[in-house]
Amino acid sequence: MKKLFCIFLIIFIFISLPSLAIGQENLIYIKENGTVEGTDKIQRDGAIYTLTKAILGKRVIVEKSSITIDGNGALLGNYNGFEGVITLNNVKNVVIKNCLIKNCVYGIELNSSSDITILGNKISEADMSMFWPAAAIHIMYETSNINLIGNDITNNKWGIIHCIEESPNLVIHHNNFVENYEKDVSILPEFSATWDDGKEGNYWSKYNGADSNGDGIGDTPYSIDDNNQDNYPLMQPVETQAIPEFSSLIFVLLLLFPAIFGIIIRIRLKGRINEEN
């Protein structure tokens, strides 16, 4: 028994070494008061935090609610700790979009957070673990109202892992699950998610169904596990690009511009007619 305990202790120490080796200098915080600590590569503009350059070998811990994190296509990754490259801790109403994440154990990790949207991100090569089930997206503890939309989840050990506790209102659609070599999704056995928007679901590279009417949706559902299936699997990958955010003022200007332009033209034409008369 003592020998067996020693073996387990050695294994535990071995797999914990990467995390123990990661110090405070490799941690970036978006603090609850809105400040950014640990890097000058995240620019804040109100509630929007935008990456300006690649961030490698570091972990971004988000503690502030009601913000948008825009990866701006900059690379994050090369992080071998047993936590997410981007970790949300006890926050609400957060959007993560346009992030390019590679080479890690977990890409995005949700911890006791709610009303979260993960939109238009590309996560690959989340496989840096021999014993842990590395994954692109890791959902744990008390999470709720999570939307995963338009993400490219490719060449990871696992695509999505959901563990520990239930996560009500988990909605997942228009994502690409491509060549994740262990599993695309692992969800608690007693729990299920919504895998479509009512008309279209996700693209699965492992789906081998047919599309007899050519509408781009598989004729048969894609079985994820005993409690989950995608009823509208897509036959082709979707374009994973986040929807740009526009202020209401911009929309108003876009609507007014044609009207203003038309009024100016009419005034000029009327002026020319009066001159000719």
Protein backbone atom coordinates (compact mmCIF):
# COMPACT_ATOMS: atom_id res chain seq x y z
CA MET A 1 0.00 0.00 0.00
CA LYS A 2 2.81 2.40 0.91
CA LYS A 3 4.56 1.68 -2.38
CA LEU A 4 1.34 2.31 -4.30
CA PHE A 5 0.84 5.62 -2.47
CA CYS A 6 4.36 6.71 -3.41
CA ILE A 7 3.71 5.89 -7.06
CA PHE A 8 0.53 7.98 -7.07
CA LEU A 9 2.35 10.82 -5.30
CA ILE A 10 5.12 10.81 -7.91
CA ILE A 11 2.57 10.84 -10.72
CA PHE A 12 0.68 13.72 -9.10
CA ILE A 13 3.85 15.77 -8.68
CA PHE A 14 4.87 15.03 -12.27
CA ILE A 15 1.61 16.21 -13.80
CA SER A 16 1.46 19.22 -11.49
CA LEU A 17 4.91 20.55 -12.38
CA PRO A 18 3.74 22.74 -15.28
CA SER A 19 1.22 24.54 -13.09
CA LEU A 20 3.69 24.93 -10.23
CA ALA A 21 6.24 26.41 -12.60
CA ILE A 22 3.87 29.15 -13.74
CA GLY A 23 4.36 32.21 -11.57
CA GLN A 24 2.49 35.46 -11.11
CA GLU A 25 4.48 37.02 -13.96
CA ASN A 26 2.54 34.77 -16.38
CA LEU A 27 -0.88 35.94 -15.19
CA ILE A 28 -2.88 38.77 -16.73
CA TYR A 29 -5.92 40.17 -14.94
CA ILE A 30 -8.91 42.18 -16.05
CA LYS A 31 -9.79 43.24 -12.54
CA GLU A 32 -13.24 43.82 -11.11
CA ASN A 33 -12.57 47.59 -11.12
CA GLY A 34 -11.81 47.47 -14.87
CA THR A 35 -8.04 47.82 -14.78
CA VAL A 36 -5.73 45.53 -16.74
CA GLU A 37 -2.73 44.11 -14.90
CA GLY A 38 0.19 42.11 -16.30
CA THR A 39 0.29 43.36 -19.91
CA ASP A 40 0.17 46.42 -22.13
CA LYS A 41 -1.25 44.39 -25.04
CA ILE A 42 -4.90 44.77 -24.02
CA GLN A 43 -6.42 48.15 -24.79
CA ARG A 44 -9.53 49.30 -22.97
CA ASP A 45 -12.21 51.47 -24.54
CA GLY A 46 -15.09 51.65 -22.11
CA ALA A 47 -16.47 48.14 -21.76
CA ILE A 48 -14.50 46.77 -24.73
CA TYR A 49 -11.07 45.18 -24.17
CA THR A 50 -9.12 44.63 -27.41
CA LEU A 51 -5.90 42.68 -27.89
CA THR A 52 -3.35 44.71 -29.83
CA LYS A 53 -0.61 42.05 -30.11
CA ALA A 54 -0.09 38.34 -29.54
CA ILE A 55 0.00 37.14 -25.93
CA LEU A 56 1.94 33.91 -25.54
CA GLY A 57 2.76 31.83 -22.49
CA LYS A 58 0.31 33.74 -20.32
CA ARG A 59 -3.17 33.30 -18.90
CA VAL A 60 -5.88 35.98 -18.94
CA ILE A 61 -8.11 35.91 -15.85
CA VAL A 62 -11.34 37.90 -16.18
CA GLU A 63 -12.92 39.19 -12.97
CA LYS A 64 -15.06 42.02 -14.42
CA SER A 65 -18.64 41.61 -15.58
CA SER A 66 -20.48 43.33 -18.47
CA ILE A 67 -17.54 43.60 -20.86
CA THR A 68 -16.51 42.44 -24.33
CA ILE A 69 -13.11 40.86 -24.95
CA ASP A 70 -12.16 41.27 -28.60
CA GLY A 71 -9.18 39.11 -29.56
CA ASN A 72 -8.83 41.12 -32.78
CA GLY A 73 -7.34 38.02 -34.41
CA ALA A 74 -4.24 38.18 -32.19
CA LEU A 75 -2.76 34.86 -31.07
CA LEU A 76 -3.06 33.58 -27.50
CA GLY A 77 -1.58 30.32 -26.30
CA ASN A 78 1.64 28.40 -25.71
CA TYR A 79 0.38 28.04 -22.14
CA ASN A 80 0.85 24.67 -20.43
CA GLY A 81 -0.89 25.33 -17.10
CA PHE A 82 -3.97 23.30 -16.20
CA GLU A 83 -6.29 26.28 -16.53
CA GLY A 84 -7.84 28.18 -19.40
CA VAL A 85 -5.84 30.61 -21.52
CA ILE A 86 -8.86 32.83 -20.95
CA THR A 87 -10.61 32.10 -17.64
CA LEU A 88 -13.85 33.73 -16.50
CA ASN A 89 -14.20 33.71 -12.72
CA ASN A 90 -17.63 34.48 -11.24
CA VAL A 91 -18.66 37.06 -13.85
CA LYS A 92 -21.82 37.88 -15.79
CA ASN A 93 -22.67 39.33 -19.20
CA VAL A 94 -19.30 38.81 -20.90
CA VAL A 95 -18.65 38.38 -24.65
CA ILE A 96 -15.46 36.70 -25.91
CA LYS A 97 -14.98 37.09 -29.65
CA ASN A 98 -12.39 37.03 -32.44
CA CYS A 99 -9.80 35.19 -30.34
CA LEU A 100 -7.21 32.90 -31.94
CA ILE A 101 -6.11 30.36 -29.31
CA LYS A 102 -3.55 27.58 -29.86
CA ASN A 103 -1.30 25.22 -27.90
CA CYS A 104 -2.78 24.89 -24.42
CA VAL A 105 -4.57 22.52 -22.07
CA TYR A 106 -7.81 24.54 -22.00
CA GLY A 107 -8.63 27.37 -24.40
CA ILE A 108 -11.56 29.14 -22.70
CA GLU A 109 -12.64 28.17 -19.18
CA LEU A 110 -15.93 29.19 -17.55
CA ASN A 111 -16.01 29.07 -13.78
CA SER A 112 -19.19 30.05 -11.88
CA SER A 113 -20.21 32.52 -14.59
CA SER A 114 -23.47 33.30 -16.39
CA ASP A 115 -24.85 35.11 -19.45
CA ILE A 116 -21.71 34.44 -21.45
CA THR A 117 -21.38 34.57 -25.25
CA ILE A 118 -18.41 32.92 -26.97
CA LEU A 119 -18.55 34.14 -30.55
CA GLY A 120 -16.38 33.78 -33.65
CA ASN A 121 -13.26 32.34 -31.99
CA LYS A 122 -10.80 29.87 -33.48
CA ILE A 123 -9.43 27.36 -30.95
CA SER A 124 -7.05 24.58 -31.94
CA GLU A 125 -4.38 22.28 -30.52
CA ALA A 126 -5.78 22.24 -26.99
CA ASP A 127 -3.98 18.97 -26.35
CA MET A 128 -1.03 19.79 -24.10
CA SER A 129 -1.87 17.17 -21.47
CA MET A 130 -1.04 13.48 -21.17
CA PHE A 131 -3.47 12.72 -18.33
CA TRP A 132 -5.97 15.60 -18.31
CA PRO A 133 -8.76 15.71 -20.94
CA ALA A 134 -7.50 18.88 -22.63
CA ALA A 135 -10.24 20.83 -24.43
CA ALA A 136 -10.99 23.96 -26.42
CA ILE A 137 -13.77 25.02 -24.03
CA HIS A 138 -14.02 23.91 -20.40
CA ILE A 139 -17.32 24.53 -18.56
CA MET A 140 -17.30 23.92 -14.83
CA TYR A 141 -19.06 24.69 -11.54
CA GLU A 142 -22.17 26.89 -11.53
CA THR A 143 -22.59 28.27 -15.04
CA SER A 144 -25.79 29.26 -16.84
CA ASN A 145 -27.04 30.99 -19.99
CA ILE A 146 -24.01 30.17 -22.10
CA ASN A 147 -24.08 30.73 -25.87
CA LEU A 148 -21.39 29.18 -28.08
CA ILE A 149 -21.94 30.52 -31.60
CA GLY A 150 -19.81 30.58 -34.74
CA ASN A 151 -16.61 29.14 -33.27
CA ASP A 152 -14.02 27.03 -35.06
CA ILE A 153 -13.04 24.14 -32.74
CA THR A 154 -10.38 22.16 -34.59
CA ASN A 155 -7.69 19.57 -33.85
CA ASN A 156 -8.11 19.55 -30.09
CA LYS A 157 -7.96 16.57 -27.76
CA TRP A 158 -11.57 17.31 -26.78
CA GLY A 159 -13.84 20.03 -28.18
CA ILE A 160 -16.08 20.93 -25.23
CA ILE A 161 -15.91 19.50 -21.74
CA HIS A 162 -18.76 20.15 -19.31
CA CYS A 163 -18.17 18.84 -15.81
CA ILE A 164 -18.74 19.26 -12.07
CA GLU A 165 -22.27 20.76 -12.03
CA GLU A 166 -25.24 21.44 -14.29
CA SER A 167 -25.19 24.41 -16.67
CA PRO A 168 -28.77 25.36 -17.54
CA ASN A 169 -29.48 27.08 -20.86
CA LEU A 170 -26.39 25.97 -22.72
CA VAL A 171 -26.95 26.84 -26.41
CA ILE A 172 -24.49 25.68 -29.07
CA HIS A 173 -24.95 26.29 -32.81
CA HIS A 174 -23.15 27.31 -36.02
CA ASN A 175 -19.83 26.00 -34.71
CA ASN A 176 -17.34 23.83 -36.61
CA PHE A 177 -16.21 20.70 -34.75
CA VAL A 178 -13.35 19.40 -36.87
CA GLU A 179 -11.03 16.47 -36.16
CA ASN A 180 -11.07 16.66 -32.36
CA TYR A 181 -9.40 13.32 -31.86
CA GLU A 182 -10.81 12.15 -28.49
CA LYS A 183 -14.31 13.63 -28.43
CA ASP A 184 -16.06 16.67 -29.85
CA VAL A 185 -18.20 17.04 -26.73
CA SER A 186 -18.37 15.55 -23.25
CA ILE A 187 -21.35 16.64 -21.14
CA LEU A 188 -22.56 15.34 -17.79
CA PRO A 189 -24.63 12.18 -18.47
CA GLU A 190 -27.82 13.57 -16.92
CA PHE A 191 -27.66 16.90 -18.71
CA SER A 192 -28.39 18.11 -22.22
CA ALA A 193 -27.89 21.27 -24.26
CA THR A 194 -29.57 22.95 -27.23
CA TRP A 195 -27.64 22.26 -30.42
CA ASP A 196 -29.39 24.50 -32.96
CA ASP A 197 -31.16 27.83 -33.41
CA GLY A 198 -34.39 26.13 -34.51
CA LYS A 199 -33.29 25.80 -38.14
CA GLU A 200 -29.57 25.06 -38.28
CA GLY A 201 -27.12 23.31 -35.97
CA ASN A 202 -23.36 22.76 -36.14
CA TYR A 203 -20.87 21.30 -38.58
CA TRP A 204 -19.36 17.96 -37.46
CA SER A 205 -16.47 16.50 -39.44
CA LYS A 206 -17.43 13.06 -38.07
CA TYR A 207 -20.99 13.25 -39.42
CA ASN A 208 -21.49 10.84 -42.31
CA GLY A 209 -25.16 11.48 -43.09
CA ALA A 210 -26.62 12.48 -46.44
CA ASP A 211 -28.38 15.62 -47.70
CA SER A 212 -30.90 14.35 -50.25
CA ASN A 213 -32.68 17.67 -50.86
CA GLY A 214 -29.49 19.76 -51.01
CA ASP A 215 -30.56 22.29 -48.38
CA GLY A 216 -27.20 22.09 -46.58
CA ILE A 217 -28.64 20.25 -43.57
CA GLY A 218 -28.19 16.54 -42.92
CA ASP A 219 -31.24 14.32 -43.36
CA THR A 220 -30.64 12.58 -40.03
CA PRO A 221 -29.59 13.99 -36.63
CA TYR A 222 -26.00 13.77 -35.46
CA SER A 223 -25.81 11.74 -32.23
CA ILE A 224 -23.52 13.36 -29.66
CA ASP A 225 -24.31 11.08 -26.73
CA ASP A 226 -27.31 9.33 -25.17
CA ASN A 227 -28.95 12.62 -24.16
CA ASN A 228 -27.75 14.99 -26.87
CA GLN A 229 -28.14 15.21 -30.61
CA ASP A 230 -27.85 17.89 -33.25
CA ASN A 231 -31.15 17.78 -35.15
CA TYR A 232 -29.94 20.01 -37.99
CA PRO A 233 -26.29 19.12 -38.64
CA LEU A 234 -24.66 21.28 -41.29
CA MET A 235 -23.08 19.63 -44.31
CA GLN A 236 -20.42 22.32 -44.80
CA PRO A 237 -18.32 24.31 -42.33
CA VAL A 238 -19.65 27.74 -41.44
CA GLU A 239 -17.73 30.97 -41.78
CA THR A 240 -16.58 31.72 -38.24
CA GLN A 241 -16.41 35.49 -38.09
CA ALA A 242 -17.81 37.51 -35.23
CA ILE A 243 -20.53 40.06 -35.87
CA PRO A 244 -18.98 43.56 -35.57
CA GLU A 245 -20.41 45.79 -32.90
CA PHE A 246 -21.91 49.08 -34.10
CA SER A 247 -23.28 51.81 -31.90
CA SER A 248 -26.87 52.90 -32.38
CA LEU A 249 -25.55 56.28 -33.59
CA ILE A 250 -23.83 54.62 -36.54
CA PHE A 251 -27.06 52.85 -37.51
CA VAL A 252 -28.93 56.17 -37.37
CA LEU A 253 -26.35 57.86 -39.58
CA LEU A 254 -26.47 55.00 -42.07
CA LEU A 255 -30.24 55.40 -42.30
CA LEU A 256 -30.17 59.20 -42.55
CA PHE A 257 -27.39 59.47 -45.13
CA PRO A 258 -29.48 58.40 -48.17
CA ALA A 259 -32.31 60.73 -47.14
CA ILE A 260 -29.96 63.70 -46.68
CA PHE A 261 -28.24 62.94 -49.99
CA GLY A 262 -31.62 62.83 -51.76
CA ILE A 263 -32.67 66.17 -50.27
CA ILE A 264 -29.43 67.83 -51.43
CA ILE A 265 -29.90 66.51 -54.98
CA ARG A 266 -33.50 67.77 -55.09
CA ILE A 267 -32.47 71.23 -53.87
CA ARG A 268 -29.75 71.47 -56.53
CA LEU A 269 -32.10 70.33 -59.31
CA LYS A 270 -34.73 72.82 -58.18
CA GLY A 271 -32.11 75.57 -58.21
CA ARG A 272 -31.06 74.76 -61.76
CA ILE A 273 -34.69 74.74 -62.94
CA ASN A 274 -35.27 78.19 -61.37
CA GLU A 275 -32.10 79.53 -63.05
CA GLU A 276 -33.22 78.24 -66.45
CA ASN A 277 -36.61 79.85 -66.02
